[in-house]
Amino acid sequence: MSYNSKNYMEQGGEKWIIGGTLEVLPGASVTGLPAAENQANSTTTDVAGLVTDFNALLTKLKAAGLMAADE
């Protein structure tokens, strides 16, 4: 009888393969992930200003690699 795991470390230990679910429990931490630059709270009072603030947020997410860049 054999067992094939969906989650395993490749030979040599350089890479983990997650084919199942990765659950991060409360109190745990994950390091090495990209973080987007801070986006200040919007204080705008009109739609044009909101569009500007929202586009700034999108730009920061894309620059951090958290969102695919425009084609």
PDB file of N, CA and C in Angstrom:
ATOM      1  N   MET A   1       0.838  -1.175   0.000  1.00  0.00           N
ATOM      2  CA  MET A   1       0.000   0.000   0.000  1.00  0.00           C
ATOM      3  C   MET A   1       0.885   1.240   0.000  1.00  0.00           C
ATOM      4  N   SER A   2       0.515   2.213  -0.800  1.00  0.00           N
ATOM      5  CA  SER A   2       1.293   3.452  -0.844  1.00  0.00           C
ATOM      6  C   SER A   2       0.376   4.648  -0.599  1.00  0.00           C
ATOM      7  N   TYR A   3       0.995   5.766  -0.281  1.00  0.00           N
ATOM      8  CA  TYR A   3       0.243   6.987   0.010  1.00  0.00           C
ATOM      9  C   TYR A   3       0.913   8.146  -0.696  1.00  0.00           C
ATOM     10  N   ASN A   4       0.150   8.914  -1.463  1.00  0.00           N
ATOM     11  CA  ASN A   4       0.666  10.098  -2.121  1.00  0.00           C
ATOM     12  C   ASN A   4       0.075  11.335  -1.447  1.00  0.00           C
ATOM     13  N   SER A   5       0.923  12.150  -0.882  1.00  0.00           N
ATOM     14  CA  SER A   5       0.489  13.354  -0.183  1.00  0.00           C
ATOM     15  C   SER A   5       0.340  14.507  -1.165  1.00  0.00           C
ATOM     16  N   LYS A   6      -0.704  15.318  -0.984  1.00  0.00           N
ATOM     17  CA  LYS A   6      -0.874  16.519  -1.809  1.00  0.00           C
ATOM     18  C   LYS A   6       0.084  17.620  -1.375  1.00  0.00           C
ATOM     19  N   ASN A   7       0.515  17.585  -0.126  1.00  0.00           N
ATOM     20  CA  ASN A   7       1.421  18.595   0.420  1.00  0.00           C
ATOM     21  C   ASN A   7       2.743  17.913   0.759  1.00  0.00           C
ATOM     22  N   TYR A   8       3.837  18.396   0.176  1.00  0.00           N
ATOM     23  CA  TYR A   8       5.124  17.746   0.412  1.00  0.00           C
ATOM     24  C   TYR A   8       6.275  18.695   0.100  1.00  0.00           C
ATOM     25  N   MET A   9       7.461  18.342   0.618  1.00  0.00           N
ATOM     26  CA  MET A   9       8.672  19.085   0.323  1.00  0.00           C
ATOM     27  C   MET A   9       9.407  18.357  -0.794  1.00  0.00           C
ATOM     28  N   GLU A  10       9.831  19.106  -1.809  1.00  0.00           N
ATOM     29  CA  GLU A  10      10.609  18.479  -2.874  1.00  0.00           C
ATOM     30  C   GLU A  10      11.945  18.013  -2.332  1.00  0.00           C
ATOM     31  N   GLN A  11      12.513  17.036  -3.002  1.00  0.00           N
ATOM     32  CA  GLN A  11      13.808  16.515  -2.590  1.00  0.00           C
ATOM     33  C   GLN A  11      14.819  17.651  -2.556  1.00  0.00           C
ATOM     34  N   GLY A  12      15.562  17.757  -1.506  1.00  0.00           N
ATOM     35  CA  GLY A  12      16.532  18.838  -1.342  1.00  0.00           C
ATOM     36  C   GLY A  12      16.022  19.937  -0.419  1.00  0.00           C
ATOM     37  N   GLY A  13      14.722  19.976  -0.181  1.00  0.00           N
ATOM     38  CA  GLY A  13      14.156  20.906   0.786  1.00  0.00           C
ATOM     39  C   GLY A  13      14.035  22.347   0.353  1.00  0.00           C
ATOM     40  N   GLU A  14      14.198  22.638  -0.916  1.00  0.00           N
ATOM     41  CA  GLU A  14      14.143  24.020  -1.386  1.00  0.00           C
ATOM     42  C   GLU A  14      12.731  24.499  -1.708  1.00  0.00           C
ATOM     43  N   LYS A  15      11.790  23.588  -1.820  1.00  0.00           N
ATOM     44  CA  LYS A  15      10.458  23.970  -2.293  1.00  0.00           C
ATOM     45  C   LYS A  15       9.394  23.099  -1.657  1.00  0.00           C
ATOM     46  N   TRP A  16       8.335  23.729  -1.157  1.00  0.00           N
ATOM     47  CA  TRP A  16       7.163  23.013  -0.654  1.00  0.00           C
ATOM     48  C   TRP A  16       6.075  23.047  -1.711  1.00  0.00           C
ATOM     49  N   ILE A  17       5.399  21.952  -1.902  1.00  0.00           N
ATOM     50  CA  ILE A  17       4.282  21.858  -2.831  1.00  0.00           C
ATOM     51  C   ILE A  17       3.014  21.740  -1.999  1.00  0.00           C
ATOM     52  N   ILE A  18       2.081  22.662  -2.200  1.00  0.00           N
ATOM     53  CA  ILE A  18       0.802  22.633  -1.491  1.00  0.00           C
ATOM     54  C   ILE A  18      -0.273  22.321  -2.524  1.00  0.00           C
ATOM     55  N   GLY A  19      -0.726  21.097  -2.522  1.00  0.00           N
ATOM     56  CA  GLY A  19      -1.781  20.687  -3.439  1.00  0.00           C
ATOM     57  C   GLY A  19      -3.126  20.597  -2.748  1.00  0.00           C
ATOM     58  N   GLY A  20      -3.096  20.704  -1.449  1.00  0.00           N
ATOM     59  CA  GLY A  20      -4.318  20.694  -0.645  1.00  0.00           C
ATOM     60  C   GLY A  20      -4.577  22.097  -0.119  1.00  0.00           C
ATOM     61  N   THR A  21      -5.059  22.193   1.097  1.00  0.00           N
ATOM     62  CA  THR A  21      -5.373  23.472   1.714  1.00  0.00           C
ATOM     63  C   THR A  21      -4.277  23.836   2.704  1.00  0.00           C
ATOM     64  N   LEU A  22      -3.829  25.074   2.653  1.00  0.00           N
ATOM     65  CA  LEU A  22      -2.889  25.604   3.632  1.00  0.00           C
ATOM     66  C   LEU A  22      -3.696  26.463   4.595  1.00  0.00           C
ATOM     67  N   GLU A  23      -3.733  26.063   5.849  1.00  0.00           N
ATOM     68  CA  GLU A  23      -4.491  26.809   6.860  1.00  0.00           C
ATOM     69  C   GLU A  23      -3.503  27.453   7.819  1.00  0.00           C
ATOM     70  N   VAL A  24      -3.594  28.779   7.947  1.00  0.00           N
ATOM     71  CA  VAL A  24      -2.756  29.517   8.881  1.00  0.00           C
ATOM     72  C   VAL A  24      -3.611  29.827  10.102  1.00  0.00           C
ATOM     73  N   LEU A  25      -3.259  29.239  11.220  1.00  0.00           N
ATOM     74  CA  LEU A  25      -4.056  29.347  12.442  1.00  0.00           C
ATOM     75  C   LEU A  25      -3.817  30.679  13.147  1.00  0.00           C
ATOM     76  N   PRO A  26      -4.786  31.121  13.957  1.00  0.00           N
ATOM     77  CA  PRO A  26      -4.607  32.355  14.726  1.00  0.00           C
ATOM     78  C   PRO A  26      -3.333  32.283  15.573  1.00  0.00           C
ATOM     79  N   GLY A  27      -2.595  33.362  15.587  1.00  0.00           N
ATOM     80  CA  GLY A  27      -1.352  33.416  16.335  1.00  0.00           C
ATOM     81  C   GLY A  27      -0.134  33.011  15.512  1.00  0.00           C
ATOM     82  N   ALA A  28      -0.362  32.389  14.363  1.00  0.00           N
ATOM     83  CA  ALA A  28       0.749  32.006  13.489  1.00  0.00           C
ATOM     84  C   ALA A  28       1.170  33.216  12.658  1.00  0.00           C
ATOM     85  N   SER A  29       2.313  33.127  12.006  1.00  0.00           N
ATOM     86  CA  SER A  29       2.749  34.221  11.139  1.00  0.00           C
ATOM     87  C   SER A  29       3.347  33.649   9.864  1.00  0.00           C
ATOM     88  N   VAL A  30       3.276  34.444   8.831  1.00  0.00           N
ATOM     89  CA  VAL A  30       3.854  34.102   7.535  1.00  0.00           C
ATOM     90  C   VAL A  30       4.788  35.246   7.166  1.00  0.00           C
ATOM     91  N   THR A  31       6.012  34.933   6.818  1.00  0.00           N
ATOM     92  CA  THR A  31       6.976  35.972   6.467  1.00  0.00           C
ATOM     93  C   THR A  31       7.360  35.872   5.003  1.00  0.00           C
ATOM     94  N   GLY A  32       7.935  36.943   4.484  1.00  0.00           N
ATOM     95  CA  GLY A  32       8.456  36.942   3.128  1.00  0.00           C
ATOM     96  C   GLY A  32       7.450  37.316   2.056  1.00  0.00           C
ATOM     97  N   LEU A  33       6.225  37.672   2.440  1.00  0.00           N
ATOM     98  CA  LEU A  33       5.225  38.065   1.449  1.00  0.00           C
ATOM     99  C   LEU A  33       5.373  39.549   1.123  1.00  0.00           C
ATOM    100  N   PRO A  34       5.043  39.949  -0.101  1.00  0.00           N
ATOM    101  CA  PRO A  34       5.137  41.369  -0.438  1.00  0.00           C
ATOM    102  C   PRO A  34       4.088  42.174   0.320  1.00  0.00           C
ATOM    103  N   ALA A  35       4.394  43.417   0.568  1.00  0.00           N
ATOM    104  CA  ALA A  35       3.448  44.336   1.215  1.00  0.00           C
ATOM    105  C   ALA A  35       3.340  45.585   0.360  1.00  0.00           C
ATOM    106  N   ALA A  36       2.131  46.049   0.176  1.00  0.00           N
ATOM    107  CA  ALA A  36       1.908  47.269  -0.601  1.00  0.00           C
ATOM    108  C   ALA A  36       2.237  48.479   0.253  1.00  0.00           C
ATOM    109  N   GLU A  37       2.666  49.538  -0.399  1.00  0.00           N
ATOM    110  CA  GLU A  37       2.901  50.817   0.266  1.00  0.00           C
ATOM    111  C   GLU A  37       1.586  51.308   0.876  1.00  0.00           C
ATOM    112  N   ASN A  38       1.669  52.003   1.987  1.00  0.00           N
ATOM    113  CA  ASN A  38       0.469  52.509   2.653  1.00  0.00           C
ATOM    114  C   ASN A  38      -0.307  53.472   1.757  1.00  0.00           C
ATOM    115  N   GLN A  39      -1.616  53.350   1.821  1.00  0.00           N
ATOM    116  CA  GLN A  39      -2.518  54.286   1.139  1.00  0.00           C
ATOM    117  C   GLN A  39      -3.297  55.008   2.222  1.00  0.00           C
ATOM    118  N   ALA A  40      -3.119  56.305   2.312  1.00  0.00           N
ATOM    119  CA  ALA A  40      -3.806  57.089   3.342  1.00  0.00           C
ATOM    120  C   ALA A  40      -5.315  57.033   3.136  1.00  0.00           C
ATOM    121  N   ASN A  41      -6.058  57.181   4.224  1.00  0.00           N
ATOM    122  CA  ASN A  41      -7.517  57.241   4.128  1.00  0.00           C
ATOM    123  C   ASN A  41      -7.919  58.407   3.245  1.00  0.00           C
ATOM    124  N   SER A  42      -8.932  58.191   2.441  1.00  0.00           N
ATOM    125  CA  SER A  42      -9.416  59.247   1.558  1.00  0.00           C
ATOM    126  C   SER A  42     -10.198  60.279   2.364  1.00  0.00           C
ATOM    127  N   THR A  43      -9.918  61.537   2.088  1.00  0.00           N
ATOM    128  CA  THR A  43     -10.668  62.633   2.714  1.00  0.00           C
ATOM    129  C   THR A  43     -11.368  63.468   1.655  1.00  0.00           C
ATOM    130  N   THR A  44     -11.419  62.935   0.448  1.00  0.00           N
ATOM    131  CA  THR A  44     -12.013  63.668  -0.661  1.00  0.00           C
ATOM    132  C   THR A  44     -13.517  63.852  -0.460  1.00  0.00           C
ATOM    133  N   THR A  45     -14.031  64.881  -1.093  1.00  0.00           N
ATOM    134  CA  THR A  45     -15.465  65.166  -0.987  1.00  0.00           C
ATOM    135  C   THR A  45     -16.161  65.093  -2.332  1.00  0.00           C
ATOM    136  N   ASP A  46     -15.435  64.632  -3.365  1.00  0.00           N
ATOM    137  CA  ASP A  46     -16.082  64.517  -4.680  1.00  0.00           C
ATOM    138  C   ASP A  46     -15.636  63.231  -5.379  1.00  0.00           C
ATOM    139  N   VAL A  47     -16.354  62.866  -6.401  1.00  0.00           N
ATOM    140  CA  VAL A  47     -16.091  61.612  -7.115  1.00  0.00           C
ATOM    141  C   VAL A  47     -14.735  61.642  -7.800  1.00  0.00           C
ATOM    142  N   ALA A  48     -14.354  62.762  -8.378  1.00  0.00           N
ATOM    143  CA  ALA A  48     -13.064  62.851  -9.072  1.00  0.00           C
ATOM    144  C   ALA A  48     -11.916  62.574  -8.099  1.00  0.00           C
ATOM    145  N   GLY A  49     -12.003  63.099  -6.889  1.00  0.00           N
ATOM    146  CA  GLY A  49     -10.976  62.850  -5.892  1.00  0.00           C
ATOM    147  C   GLY A  49     -10.947  61.397  -5.463  1.00  0.00           C
ATOM    148  N   LEU A  50     -12.115  60.780  -5.365  1.00  0.00           N
ATOM    149  CA  LEU A  50     -12.192  59.362  -5.004  1.00  0.00           C
ATOM    150  C   LEU A  50     -11.559  58.489  -6.082  1.00  0.00           C
ATOM    151  N   VAL A  51     -11.788  58.834  -7.337  1.00  0.00           N
ATOM    152  CA  VAL A  51     -11.168  58.097  -8.444  1.00  0.00           C
ATOM    153  C   VAL A  51      -9.650  58.209  -8.349  1.00  0.00           C
ATOM    154  N   THR A  52      -9.148  59.376  -8.048  1.00  0.00           N
ATOM    155  CA  THR A  52      -7.703  59.577  -7.908  1.00  0.00           C
ATOM    156  C   THR A  52      -7.142  58.732  -6.770  1.00  0.00           C
ATOM    157  N   ASP A  53      -7.829  58.749  -5.615  1.00  0.00           N
ATOM    158  CA  ASP A  53      -7.372  57.956  -4.471  1.00  0.00           C
ATOM    159  C   ASP A  53      -7.415  56.462  -4.780  1.00  0.00           C
ATOM    160  N   PHE A  54      -8.479  56.012  -5.421  1.00  0.00           N
ATOM    161  CA  PHE A  54      -8.627  54.596  -5.753  1.00  0.00           C
ATOM    162  C   PHE A  54      -7.542  54.166  -6.745  1.00  0.00           C
ATOM    163  N   ASN A  55      -7.271  54.976  -7.751  1.00  0.00           N
ATOM    164  CA  ASN A  55      -6.232  54.647  -8.726  1.00  0.00           C
ATOM    165  C   ASN A  55      -4.851  54.610  -8.076  1.00  0.00           C
ATOM    166  N   ALA A  56      -4.628  55.461  -7.067  1.00  0.00           N
ATOM    167  CA  ALA A  56      -3.360  55.421  -6.333  1.00  0.00           C
ATOM    168  C   ALA A  56      -3.220  54.088  -5.602  1.00  0.00           C
ATOM    169  N   LEU A  57      -4.317  53.609  -5.013  1.00  0.00           N
ATOM    170  CA  LEU A  57      -4.299  52.310  -4.332  1.00  0.00           C
ATOM    171  C   LEU A  57      -3.997  51.190  -5.321  1.00  0.00           C
ATOM    172  N   LEU A  58      -4.647  51.201  -6.470  1.00  0.00           N
ATOM    173  CA  LEU A  58      -4.391  50.168  -7.487  1.00  0.00           C
ATOM    174  C   LEU A  58      -2.927  50.179  -7.919  1.00  0.00           C
ATOM    175  N   THR A  59      -2.364  51.351  -8.103  1.00  0.00           N
ATOM    176  CA  THR A  59      -0.960  51.477  -8.501  1.00  0.00           C
ATOM    177  C   THR A  59      -0.045  50.855  -7.454  1.00  0.00           C
ATOM    178  N   LYS A  60      -0.324  51.090  -6.178  1.00  0.00           N
ATOM    179  CA  LYS A  60       0.502  50.537  -5.107  1.00  0.00           C
ATOM    180  C   LYS A  60       0.370  49.015  -5.025  1.00  0.00           C
ATOM    181  N   LEU A  61      -0.828  48.489  -5.219  1.00  0.00           N
ATOM    182  CA  LEU A  61      -1.020  47.034  -5.212  1.00  0.00           C
ATOM    183  C   LEU A  61      -0.257  46.382  -6.356  1.00  0.00           C
ATOM    184  N   LYS A  62      -0.292  46.998  -7.530  1.00  0.00           N
ATOM    185  CA  LYS A  62       0.417  46.450  -8.690  1.00  0.00           C
ATOM    186  C   LYS A  62       1.943  46.527  -8.481  1.00  0.00           C
ATOM    187  N   ALA A  63       2.416  47.633  -7.932  1.00  0.00           N
ATOM    188  CA  ALA A  63       3.863  47.799  -7.707  1.00  0.00           C
ATOM    189  C   ALA A  63       4.380  46.781  -6.701  1.00  0.00           C
ATOM    190  N   ALA A  64       3.554  46.386  -5.734  1.00  0.00           N
ATOM    191  CA  ALA A  64       3.971  45.400  -4.739  1.00  0.00           C
ATOM    192  C   ALA A  64       3.841  43.966  -5.233  1.00  0.00           C
ATOM    193  N   GLY A  65       3.269  43.785  -6.428  1.00  0.00           N
ATOM    194  CA  GLY A  65       3.089  42.444  -6.967  1.00  0.00           C
ATOM    195  C   GLY A  65       1.872  41.724  -6.414  1.00  0.00           C
ATOM    196  N   LEU A  66       0.947  42.473  -5.807  1.00  0.00           N
ATOM    197  CA  LEU A  66      -0.255  41.867  -5.240  1.00  0.00           C
ATOM    198  C   LEU A  66      -1.402  41.878  -6.231  1.00  0.00           C
ATOM    199  N   MET A  67      -1.221  42.526  -7.363  1.00  0.00           N
ATOM    200  CA  MET A  67      -2.229  42.594  -8.418  1.00  0.00           C
ATOM    201  C   MET A  67      -1.488  42.576  -9.746  1.00  0.00           C
ATOM    202  N   ALA A  68      -2.030  41.877 -10.724  1.00  0.00           N
ATOM    203  CA  ALA A  68      -1.402  41.828 -12.044  1.00  0.00           C
ATOM    204  C   ALA A  68      -1.373  43.222 -12.671  1.00  0.00           C
ATOM    205  N   ALA A  69      -0.288  43.526 -13.341  1.00  0.00           N
ATOM    206  CA  ALA A  69      -0.160  44.821 -14.025  1.00  0.00           C
ATOM    207  C   ALA A  69      -1.072  44.871 -15.231  1.00  0.00           C
ATOM    208  N   ASP A  70      -1.386  46.080 -15.660  1.00  0.00           N
ATOM    209  CA  ASP A  70      -2.202  46.278 -16.862  1.00  0.00           C
ATOM    210  C   ASP A  70      -1.435  45.754 -18.079  1.00  0.00           C
ATOM    211  N   GLU A  71      -2.186  45.255 -19.019  1.00  0.00           N
ATOM    212  CA  GLU A  71      -1.551  44.759 -20.262  1.00  0.00           C
ATOM    213  C   GLU A  71      -1.467  45.843 -21.291  1.00  0.00           C
TER     214      GLU A  71
END
